[in-house]
Amino acid sequence: MSNLSDSKRKKRIEEIIKNFRPIDDTFLSFLIQSDNSIVEYILRVIMNMSSLKVIEVHSQDYVKNIFGRSACFDILAKDENDKIYNIEIQRSNAGAIYKRARFNSSMLDIKSIEAGQNLDSLKETYVIFITENDVIGYNLPIYHINRTVEENGTIFKDDSHIIYVNSSYQDLNTELGRLMHDFYCNKPDDMLCLPIKQAVKKVKETKEGNKQMCEIAEELIAEGRIEGKAEGRAEANAENKEQFTNILKDKFGLSHEEAVKLIEDSFKASNMSV
């Protein structure tokens, strides 16, 4: 339990609620629970399909394979054509490694077929990573990954798809860019996409929504997740900084001051606080 006084606790809760953005997976999950129609909107934008119709939505859905390895999907959705979509918010590059996308794809297959069914019954699946950084690295807003036949470049039609959305690319002339812009807004009035704006207003600016947000913030404080994440990042960055500084001094003969400056510049360039 937190040792915060009542007044400090109340202020901390208000700060948490104020700063919540759709790019924060906890907040996005809550938004979906309050209004799952925004999943349809998000998918329509990412898939560039204005007619896409979602008929089923789940958040924080667990799947376990026969060997005991489990996956928790941030968002799981199914459309009217029986296609399955897994949307993941990945703030760190480590959480968005290519093999995680491959693993999620395999777990979707496990979830989409029942014992005794023919493999032809496997559903068409999409694993969608919305990443804070440009993980793939070609400065594109979106990446579509599909298996191909190497000899002639044709698509290998196994109905398995992976999509990376680079949320750092926010071209406001495109609907995808405006959506990614809104993912980083904590104020509804700053948002450009009406469905997202309305959903955030509903939970941040109504009595019932605010009450539920307070409960979530209380849970986060009780679990130490808010403070713990910040402290953990600070400790990790400080430890990395010291290790890298020693390497630069020992291996490359830099002075302490030169090594520290080089590390600080590198950390800043990669958006890491030191």
C-alpha atoms as a PDB file:
ATOM      1  CA  MET A   1       0.000   0.000   0.000  1.00  0.00           C
ATOM      2  CA  SER A   2       1.109   3.550  -0.681  1.00  0.00           C
ATOM      3  CA  ASN A   3       2.202   5.797   2.204  1.00  0.00           C
ATOM      4  CA  LEU A   4       0.906   8.935   0.483  1.00  0.00           C
ATOM      5  CA  SER A   5      -1.216  11.246   2.617  1.00  0.00           C
ATOM      6  CA  ASP A   6      -4.843  11.701   1.565  1.00  0.00           C
ATOM      7  CA  SER A   7      -4.208  15.132   0.047  1.00  0.00           C
ATOM      8  CA  LYS A   8      -1.090  14.014  -1.817  1.00  0.00           C
ATOM      9  CA  ARG A   9      -2.859  10.847  -2.937  1.00  0.00           C
ATOM     10  CA  LYS A  10      -5.785  12.851  -4.308  1.00  0.00           C
ATOM     11  CA  LYS A  11      -3.417  15.179  -6.141  1.00  0.00           C
ATOM     12  CA  ARG A  12      -1.475  12.202  -7.547  1.00  0.00           C
ATOM     13  CA  ILE A  13      -4.697  10.597  -8.798  1.00  0.00           C
ATOM     14  CA  GLU A  14      -5.712  13.855 -10.491  1.00  0.00           C
ATOM     15  CA  GLU A  15      -2.304  14.040 -12.178  1.00  0.00           C
ATOM     16  CA  ILE A  16      -2.534  10.453 -13.415  1.00  0.00           C
ATOM     17  CA  ILE A  17      -6.006  10.985 -14.884  1.00  0.00           C
ATOM     18  CA  LYS A  18      -4.981  14.289 -16.452  1.00  0.00           C
ATOM     19  CA  ASN A  19      -1.920  12.767 -18.118  1.00  0.00           C
ATOM     20  CA  PHE A  20      -3.520   9.558 -19.406  1.00  0.00           C
ATOM     21  CA  ARG A  21      -3.339   9.242 -23.223  1.00  0.00           C
ATOM     22  CA  PRO A  22      -4.588   6.555 -25.640  1.00  0.00           C
ATOM     23  CA  ILE A  23      -0.969   5.478 -26.239  1.00  0.00           C
ATOM     24  CA  ASP A  24      -0.959   4.295 -22.586  1.00  0.00           C
ATOM     25  CA  ASP A  25      -2.214   0.713 -22.795  1.00  0.00           C
ATOM     26  CA  THR A  26      -4.006   0.867 -19.427  1.00  0.00           C
ATOM     27  CA  PHE A  27      -6.003   3.888 -20.541  1.00  0.00           C
ATOM     28  CA  LEU A  28      -6.711   2.476 -24.002  1.00  0.00           C
ATOM     29  CA  SER A  29      -8.051  -0.736 -22.457  1.00  0.00           C
ATOM     30  CA  PHE A  30     -10.361   1.336 -20.271  1.00  0.00           C
ATOM     31  CA  LEU A  31     -11.518   3.392 -23.264  1.00  0.00           C
ATOM     32  CA  ILE A  32     -12.389   0.213 -25.109  1.00  0.00           C
ATOM     33  CA  GLN A  33     -14.329  -1.166 -22.177  1.00  0.00           C
ATOM     34  CA  SER A  34     -16.281   2.100 -22.052  1.00  0.00           C
ATOM     35  CA  ASP A  35     -16.875   2.271 -25.811  1.00  0.00           C
ATOM     36  CA  ASN A  36     -15.619  -0.614 -27.929  1.00  0.00           C
ATOM     37  CA  SER A  37     -16.798   1.100 -31.142  1.00  0.00           C
ATOM     38  CA  ILE A  38     -13.473   2.953 -31.188  1.00  0.00           C
ATOM     39  CA  VAL A  39     -11.767  -0.351 -32.038  1.00  0.00           C
ATOM     40  CA  GLU A  40     -13.757  -0.397 -35.267  1.00  0.00           C
ATOM     41  CA  TYR A  41     -12.665   3.165 -35.994  1.00  0.00           C
ATOM     42  CA  ILE A  42      -8.993   2.401 -35.254  1.00  0.00           C
ATOM     43  CA  LEU A  43      -9.081  -0.667 -37.507  1.00  0.00           C
ATOM     44  CA  ARG A  44     -10.848   1.197 -40.308  1.00  0.00           C
ATOM     45  CA  VAL A  45      -8.063   3.779 -40.288  1.00  0.00           C
ATOM     46  CA  ILE A  46      -5.163   1.314 -40.033  1.00  0.00           C
ATOM     47  CA  MET A  47      -6.634  -1.104 -42.575  1.00  0.00           C
ATOM     48  CA  ASN A  48      -7.749   1.786 -44.830  1.00  0.00           C
ATOM     49  CA  MET A  49     -11.193   0.170 -45.056  1.00  0.00           C
ATOM     50  CA  SER A  50     -14.067   2.528 -44.264  1.00  0.00           C
ATOM     51  CA  SER A  51     -16.590  -0.318 -44.550  1.00  0.00           C
ATOM     52  CA  LEU A  52     -14.868  -2.650 -42.040  1.00  0.00           C
ATOM     53  CA  LYS A  53     -17.418  -3.861 -39.474  1.00  0.00           C
ATOM     54  CA  VAL A  54     -16.255  -5.188 -36.095  1.00  0.00           C
ATOM     55  CA  ILE A  55     -18.667  -7.584 -34.401  1.00  0.00           C
ATOM     56  CA  GLU A  56     -16.658  -8.672 -31.338  1.00  0.00           C
ATOM     57  CA  VAL A  57     -14.083  -6.963 -29.100  1.00  0.00           C
ATOM     58  CA  HIS A  58     -12.079  -8.151 -26.091  1.00  0.00           C
ATOM     59  CA  SER A  59      -9.337  -6.409 -24.109  1.00  0.00           C
ATOM     60  CA  GLN A  60      -6.591  -8.066 -22.055  1.00  0.00           C
ATOM     61  CA  ASP A  61      -7.483 -11.474 -23.493  1.00  0.00           C
ATOM     62  CA  TYR A  62      -5.241 -14.368 -22.399  1.00  0.00           C
ATOM     63  CA  VAL A  63      -4.325 -17.328 -24.588  1.00  0.00           C
ATOM     64  CA  LYS A  64      -2.229 -20.281 -23.434  1.00  0.00           C
ATOM     65  CA  ASN A  65      -0.587 -22.953 -25.581  1.00  0.00           C
ATOM     66  CA  ILE A  66      -0.159 -26.626 -24.668  1.00  0.00           C
ATOM     67  CA  PHE A  67       3.403 -25.983 -23.431  1.00  0.00           C
ATOM     68  CA  GLY A  68       2.295 -23.415 -20.874  1.00  0.00           C
ATOM     69  CA  ARG A  69       3.471 -20.274 -22.698  1.00  0.00           C
ATOM     70  CA  SER A  70       0.747 -17.616 -22.592  1.00  0.00           C
ATOM     71  CA  ALA A  71       0.040 -14.351 -24.359  1.00  0.00           C
ATOM     72  CA  CYS A  72      -2.084 -11.436 -23.210  1.00  0.00           C
ATOM     73  CA  PHE A  73      -3.546  -9.486 -26.101  1.00  0.00           C
ATOM     74  CA  ASP A  74      -4.176  -5.777 -25.484  1.00  0.00           C
ATOM     75  CA  ILE A  75      -7.064  -5.809 -27.948  1.00  0.00           C
ATOM     76  CA  LEU A  76      -8.636  -8.743 -29.753  1.00  0.00           C
ATOM     77  CA  ALA A  77     -11.328  -8.125 -32.354  1.00  0.00           C
ATOM     78  CA  LYS A  78     -13.263 -10.005 -35.007  1.00  0.00           C
ATOM     79  CA  ASP A  79     -14.945  -8.509 -38.061  1.00  0.00           C
ATOM     80  CA  GLU A  80     -18.058  -9.590 -39.926  1.00  0.00           C
ATOM     81  CA  ASN A  81     -15.913 -11.628 -42.349  1.00  0.00           C
ATOM     82  CA  ASP A  82     -14.492 -13.680 -39.463  1.00  0.00           C
ATOM     83  CA  LYS A  83     -11.061 -12.058 -39.671  1.00  0.00           C
ATOM     84  CA  ILE A  84      -9.201 -11.790 -36.350  1.00  0.00           C
ATOM     85  CA  TYR A  85      -7.239  -8.708 -35.277  1.00  0.00           C
ATOM     86  CA  ASN A  86      -4.760  -8.343 -32.427  1.00  0.00           C
ATOM     87  CA  ILE A  87      -3.793  -4.725 -31.659  1.00  0.00           C
ATOM     88  CA  GLU A  88      -0.837  -4.156 -29.344  1.00  0.00           C
ATOM     89  CA  ILE A  89       0.486  -0.875 -27.957  1.00  0.00           C
ATOM     90  CA  GLN A  90       4.267  -1.182 -27.779  1.00  0.00           C
ATOM     91  CA  ARG A  91       5.967   1.751 -26.060  1.00  0.00           C
ATOM     92  CA  SER A  92       9.431   0.133 -25.931  1.00  0.00           C
ATOM     93  CA  ASN A  93      11.388  -1.263 -28.858  1.00  0.00           C
ATOM     94  CA  ALA A  94      12.053  -4.429 -26.861  1.00  0.00           C
ATOM     95  CA  GLY A  95       8.325  -5.139 -26.706  1.00  0.00           C
ATOM     96  CA  ALA A  96       7.991  -4.838 -30.478  1.00  0.00           C
ATOM     97  CA  ILE A  97      10.691  -7.245 -31.646  1.00  0.00           C
ATOM     98  CA  TYR A  98       9.816  -9.101 -34.824  1.00  0.00           C
ATOM     99  CA  LYS A  99       9.651 -12.487 -33.128  1.00  0.00           C
ATOM    100  CA  ARG A 100       7.035 -11.191 -30.685  1.00  0.00           C
ATOM    101  CA  ALA A 101       4.850 -10.400 -33.685  1.00  0.00           C
ATOM    102  CA  ARG A 102       5.507 -13.905 -34.981  1.00  0.00           C
ATOM    103  CA  PHE A 103       4.635 -15.388 -31.571  1.00  0.00           C
ATOM    104  CA  ASN A 104       1.399 -13.401 -31.337  1.00  0.00           C
ATOM    105  CA  SER A 105       0.485 -14.568 -34.821  1.00  0.00           C
ATOM    106  CA  SER A 106       0.960 -18.195 -33.806  1.00  0.00           C
ATOM    107  CA  MET A 107      -1.133 -17.685 -30.668  1.00  0.00           C
ATOM    108  CA  LEU A 108      -3.930 -16.184 -32.756  1.00  0.00           C
ATOM    109  CA  ASP A 109      -3.908 -19.386 -34.790  1.00  0.00           C
ATOM    110  CA  ILE A 110      -4.250 -21.432 -31.599  1.00  0.00           C
ATOM    111  CA  LYS A 111      -7.173 -19.292 -30.496  1.00  0.00           C
ATOM    112  CA  SER A 112      -8.945 -19.329 -33.850  1.00  0.00           C
ATOM    113  CA  ILE A 113      -9.238 -23.088 -34.318  1.00  0.00           C
ATOM    114  CA  GLU A 114     -10.838 -25.759 -32.151  1.00  0.00           C
ATOM    115  CA  ALA A 115      -9.755 -29.346 -31.554  1.00  0.00           C
ATOM    116  CA  GLY A 116     -10.721 -31.592 -34.439  1.00  0.00           C
ATOM    117  CA  GLN A 117     -11.195 -28.786 -36.944  1.00  0.00           C
ATOM    118  CA  ASN A 118      -9.507 -29.000 -40.336  1.00  0.00           C
ATOM    119  CA  LEU A 119      -6.598 -26.578 -40.832  1.00  0.00           C
ATOM    120  CA  ASP A 120      -8.593 -24.958 -43.608  1.00  0.00           C
ATOM    121  CA  SER A 121     -10.674 -23.533 -40.750  1.00  0.00           C
ATOM    122  CA  LEU A 122      -7.812 -21.290 -39.614  1.00  0.00           C
ATOM    123  CA  LYS A 123      -8.984 -17.683 -39.686  1.00  0.00           C
ATOM    124  CA  GLU A 124      -7.281 -14.844 -41.513  1.00  0.00           C
ATOM    125  CA  THR A 125      -5.323 -12.971 -38.840  1.00  0.00           C
ATOM    126  CA  TYR A 126      -3.722  -9.566 -38.400  1.00  0.00           C
ATOM    127  CA  VAL A 127      -1.185  -8.760 -35.684  1.00  0.00           C
ATOM    128  CA  ILE A 128      -0.968  -4.964 -35.444  1.00  0.00           C
ATOM    129  CA  PHE A 129       1.765  -3.303 -33.385  1.00  0.00           C
ATOM    130  CA  ILE A 130       1.322   0.413 -32.732  1.00  0.00           C
ATOM    131  CA  THR A 131       4.852   1.393 -31.761  1.00  0.00           C
ATOM    132  CA  GLU A 132       6.115   4.553 -30.089  1.00  0.00           C
ATOM    133  CA  ASN A 133       9.294   4.529 -32.188  1.00  0.00           C
ATOM    134  CA  ASP A 134      10.021   3.635 -35.796  1.00  0.00           C
ATOM    135  CA  VAL A 135      11.041   0.071 -34.927  1.00  0.00           C
ATOM    136  CA  ILE A 136      11.549  -1.069 -38.521  1.00  0.00           C
ATOM    137  CA  GLY A 137      13.494   2.049 -39.368  1.00  0.00           C
ATOM    138  CA  TYR A 138      12.515   3.190 -42.873  1.00  0.00           C
ATOM    139  CA  ASN A 139      10.699   6.361 -41.725  1.00  0.00           C
ATOM    140  CA  LEU A 140       7.345   5.127 -42.989  1.00  0.00           C
ATOM    141  CA  PRO A 141       3.998   5.611 -41.231  1.00  0.00           C
ATOM    142  CA  ILE A 142       2.965   1.975 -41.618  1.00  0.00           C
ATOM    143  CA  TYR A 143       4.563  -1.348 -42.577  1.00  0.00           C
ATOM    144  CA  HIS A 144       2.676  -4.346 -43.985  1.00  0.00           C
ATOM    145  CA  ILE A 145       4.514  -7.647 -43.566  1.00  0.00           C
ATOM    146  CA  ASN A 146       3.416 -10.720 -45.523  1.00  0.00           C
ATOM    147  CA  ARG A 147       5.197 -13.921 -46.517  1.00  0.00           C
ATOM    148  CA  THR A 148       6.306 -14.040 -50.150  1.00  0.00           C
ATOM    149  CA  VAL A 149       7.715 -16.591 -52.570  1.00  0.00           C
ATOM    150  CA  GLU A 150      11.346 -15.510 -52.915  1.00  0.00           C
ATOM    151  CA  GLU A 151      11.746 -16.735 -56.485  1.00  0.00           C
ATOM    152  CA  ASN A 152       9.052 -14.537 -57.996  1.00  0.00           C
ATOM    153  CA  GLY A 153       7.920 -12.151 -55.231  1.00  0.00           C
ATOM    154  CA  THR A 154       4.306 -13.324 -55.183  1.00  0.00           C
ATOM    155  CA  ILE A 155       2.362 -13.358 -51.915  1.00  0.00           C
ATOM    156  CA  PHE A 156       2.272 -16.679 -50.056  1.00  0.00           C
ATOM    157  CA  LYS A 157      -1.417 -16.765 -49.212  1.00  0.00           C
ATOM    158  CA  ASP A 158      -1.437 -18.267 -45.721  1.00  0.00           C
ATOM    159  CA  ASP A 159      -3.806 -15.482 -44.525  1.00  0.00           C
ATOM    160  CA  SER A 160      -1.344 -14.410 -41.815  1.00  0.00           C
ATOM    161  CA  HIS A 161      -0.476 -10.705 -41.710  1.00  0.00           C
ATOM    162  CA  ILE A 162       1.665  -8.443 -39.511  1.00  0.00           C
ATOM    163  CA  ILE A 163       1.370  -4.658 -39.485  1.00  0.00           C
ATOM    164  CA  TYR A 164       3.611  -2.161 -37.692  1.00  0.00           C
ATOM    165  CA  VAL A 165       2.194   1.355 -37.227  1.00  0.00           C
ATOM    166  CA  ASN A 166       4.884   3.957 -36.542  1.00  0.00           C
ATOM    167  CA  SER A 167       3.121   6.373 -34.188  1.00  0.00           C
ATOM    168  CA  SER A 168       6.041   8.835 -34.309  1.00  0.00           C
ATOM    169  CA  TYR A 169       5.095   9.588 -37.935  1.00  0.00           C
ATOM    170  CA  GLN A 170       2.182  12.017 -37.595  1.00  0.00           C
ATOM    171  CA  ASP A 171       1.285  13.464 -40.971  1.00  0.00           C
ATOM    172  CA  LEU A 172      -1.857  15.485 -40.186  1.00  0.00           C
ATOM    173  CA  ASN A 173      -2.821  15.421 -43.861  1.00  0.00           C
ATOM    174  CA  THR A 174      -3.666  11.723 -43.477  1.00  0.00           C
ATOM    175  CA  GLU A 175      -6.256  10.032 -41.306  1.00  0.00           C
ATOM    176  CA  LEU A 176      -3.641   7.641 -39.923  1.00  0.00           C
ATOM    177  CA  GLY A 177      -1.381  10.560 -38.992  1.00  0.00           C
ATOM    178  CA  ARG A 178      -4.241  12.336 -37.236  1.00  0.00           C
ATOM    179  CA  LEU A 179      -5.097   9.163 -35.325  1.00  0.00           C
ATOM    180  CA  MET A 180      -1.503   8.780 -34.165  1.00  0.00           C
ATOM    181  CA  HIS A 181      -1.490  12.452 -33.161  1.00  0.00           C
ATOM    182  CA  ASP A 182      -4.545  11.835 -30.982  1.00  0.00           C
ATOM    183  CA  PHE A 183      -2.882   8.846 -29.325  1.00  0.00           C
ATOM    184  CA  TYR A 184      -0.461  11.310 -27.692  1.00  0.00           C
ATOM    185  CA  CYS A 185      -3.054  13.865 -26.546  1.00  0.00           C
ATOM    186  CA  ASN A 186      -4.234  13.929 -22.945  1.00  0.00           C
ATOM    187  CA  LYS A 187      -6.864  16.610 -23.578  1.00  0.00           C
ATOM    188  CA  PRO A 188      -9.934  15.763 -25.683  1.00  0.00           C
ATOM    189  CA  ASP A 189     -10.075  19.294 -27.098  1.00  0.00           C
ATOM    190  CA  ASP A 190      -6.637  18.779 -28.682  1.00  0.00           C
ATOM    191  CA  MET A 191      -7.799  15.673 -30.553  1.00  0.00           C
ATOM    192  CA  LEU A 192      -8.627  15.645 -34.255  1.00  0.00           C
ATOM    193  CA  CYS A 193     -10.496  12.343 -34.685  1.00  0.00           C
ATOM    194  CA  LEU A 194     -14.087  12.668 -33.482  1.00  0.00           C
ATOM    195  CA  PRO A 195     -14.587   9.040 -32.278  1.00  0.00           C
ATOM    196  CA  ILE A 196     -11.425   9.159 -30.146  1.00  0.00           C
ATOM    197  CA  LYS A 197     -12.233  12.664 -28.907  1.00  0.00           C
ATOM    198  CA  GLN A 198     -15.748  11.657 -27.838  1.00  0.00           C
ATOM    199  CA  ALA A 199     -14.541   8.488 -26.092  1.00  0.00           C
ATOM    200  CA  VAL A 200     -11.896  10.382 -24.095  1.00  0.00           C
ATOM    201  CA  LYS A 201     -14.370  13.136 -23.192  1.00  0.00           C
ATOM    202  CA  LYS A 202     -16.773  10.495 -21.916  1.00  0.00           C
ATOM    203  CA  VAL A 203     -14.275   9.070 -19.432  1.00  0.00           C
ATOM    204  CA  LYS A 204     -12.383  12.226 -18.486  1.00  0.00           C
ATOM    205  CA  GLU A 205     -15.154  14.823 -18.370  1.00  0.00           C
ATOM    206  CA  THR A 206     -18.168  12.996 -16.963  1.00  0.00           C
ATOM    207  CA  LYS A 207     -18.851  12.179 -13.332  1.00  0.00           C
ATOM    208  CA  GLU A 208     -19.209   8.435 -13.926  1.00  0.00           C
ATOM    209  CA  GLY A 209     -16.165   8.223 -16.175  1.00  0.00           C
ATOM    210  CA  ASN A 210     -14.058  10.222 -13.736  1.00  0.00           C
ATOM    211  CA  LYS A 211     -15.107   7.960 -10.891  1.00  0.00           C
ATOM    212  CA  GLN A 212     -13.990   4.887 -12.806  1.00  0.00           C
ATOM    213  CA  MET A 213     -10.716   6.562 -13.782  1.00  0.00           C
ATOM    214  CA  CYS A 214     -10.067   7.327 -10.117  1.00  0.00           C
ATOM    215  CA  GLU A 215     -10.455   3.642  -9.320  1.00  0.00           C
ATOM    216  CA  ILE A 216      -7.923   2.715 -11.992  1.00  0.00           C
ATOM    217  CA  ALA A 217      -5.478   5.360 -10.779  1.00  0.00           C
ATOM    218  CA  GLU A 218      -5.889   4.062  -7.204  1.00  0.00           C
ATOM    219  CA  GLU A 219      -5.031   0.556  -8.395  1.00  0.00           C
ATOM    220  CA  LEU A 220      -1.947   1.785 -10.247  1.00  0.00           C
ATOM    221  CA  ILE A 221      -0.699   3.650  -7.177  1.00  0.00           C
ATOM    222  CA  ALA A 222      -1.412   0.657  -4.922  1.00  0.00           C
ATOM    223  CA  GLU A 223       0.535  -1.595  -7.279  1.00  0.00           C
ATOM    224  CA  GLY A 224       3.347   0.930  -7.473  1.00  0.00           C
ATOM    225  CA  ARG A 225       3.203   0.811 -11.265  1.00  0.00           C
ATOM    226  CA  ILE A 226       3.297   4.563 -11.854  1.00  0.00           C
ATOM    227  CA  GLU A 227       6.164   5.344  -9.495  1.00  0.00           C
ATOM    228  CA  GLY A 228       7.833   2.000 -10.124  1.00  0.00           C
ATOM    229  CA  LYS A 229       8.016   2.466 -13.871  1.00  0.00           C
ATOM    230  CA  ALA A 230       9.521   5.926 -13.538  1.00  0.00           C
ATOM    231  CA  GLU A 231      12.025   4.809 -10.906  1.00  0.00           C
ATOM    232  CA  GLY A 232      12.858   1.678 -12.881  1.00  0.00           C
ATOM    233  CA  ARG A 233      13.576   3.678 -16.029  1.00  0.00           C
ATOM    234  CA  ALA A 234      15.744   6.137 -14.102  1.00  0.00           C
ATOM    235  CA  GLU A 235      17.728   3.352 -12.416  1.00  0.00           C
ATOM    236  CA  ALA A 236      18.164   1.435 -15.661  1.00  0.00           C
ATOM    237  CA  ASN A 237      19.315   4.516 -17.543  1.00  0.00           C
ATOM    238  CA  ALA A 238      21.761   5.466 -14.775  1.00  0.00           C
ATOM    239  CA  GLU A 239      23.182   1.940 -14.731  1.00  0.00           C
ATOM    240  CA  ASN A 240      23.469   1.847 -18.537  1.00  0.00           C
ATOM    241  CA  LYS A 241      25.119   5.253 -18.555  1.00  0.00           C
ATOM    242  CA  GLU A 242      27.773   4.120 -16.072  1.00  0.00           C
ATOM    243  CA  GLN A 243      28.448   0.871 -17.943  1.00  0.00           C
ATOM    244  CA  PHE A 244      28.749   2.590 -21.332  1.00  0.00           C
ATOM    245  CA  THR A 245      30.963   5.304 -19.881  1.00  0.00           C
ATOM    246  CA  ASN A 246      33.399   2.696 -18.500  1.00  0.00           C
ATOM    247  CA  ILE A 247      33.463   0.854 -21.841  1.00  0.00           C
ATOM    248  CA  LEU A 248      34.276   4.041 -23.745  1.00  0.00           C
ATOM    249  CA  LYS A 249      37.052   4.866 -21.261  1.00  0.00           C
ATOM    250  CA  ASP A 250      38.575   1.361 -21.121  1.00  0.00           C
ATOM    251  CA  LYS A 251      38.183   0.263 -24.727  1.00  0.00           C
ATOM    252  CA  PHE A 252      38.537   3.522 -26.637  1.00  0.00           C
ATOM    253  CA  GLY A 253      40.696   5.663 -24.356  1.00  0.00           C
ATOM    254  CA  LEU A 254      38.224   8.501 -23.933  1.00  0.00           C
ATOM    255  CA  SER A 255      38.461  10.763 -20.919  1.00  0.00           C
ATOM    256  CA  HIS A 256      35.684  10.556 -18.346  1.00  0.00           C
ATOM    257  CA  GLU A 257      34.250  13.893 -19.505  1.00  0.00           C
ATOM    258  CA  GLU A 258      34.349  12.870 -23.187  1.00  0.00           C
ATOM    259  CA  ALA A 259      32.655   9.546 -22.465  1.00  0.00           C
ATOM    260  CA  VAL A 260      29.910  11.137 -20.341  1.00  0.00           C
ATOM    261  CA  LYS A 261      29.154  13.764 -23.016  1.00  0.00           C
ATOM    262  CA  LEU A 262      29.008  11.139 -25.772  1.00  0.00           C
ATOM    263  CA  ILE A 263      26.650   8.933 -23.734  1.00  0.00           C
ATOM    264  CA  GLU A 264      24.399  11.849 -22.812  1.00  0.00           C
ATOM    265  CA  ASP A 265      24.136  12.901 -26.464  1.00  0.00           C
ATOM    266  CA  SER A 266      23.341   9.317 -27.482  1.00  0.00           C
ATOM    267  CA  PHE A 267      20.674   8.919 -24.817  1.00  0.00           C
ATOM    268  CA  LYS A 268      19.042  12.191 -25.819  1.00  0.00           C
ATOM    269  CA  ALA A 269      19.032  11.184 -29.471  1.00  0.00           C
ATOM    270  CA  SER A 270      17.161   7.995 -28.612  1.00  0.00           C
ATOM    271  CA  ASN A 271      14.689   9.828 -26.315  1.00  0.00           C
ATOM    272  CA  MET A 272      16.084   8.270 -23.142  1.00  0.00           C
ATOM    273  CA  SER A 273      16.364  10.435 -20.032  1.00  0.00           C
ATOM    274  CA  VAL A 274      19.572  10.263 -18.011  1.00  0.00           C
END
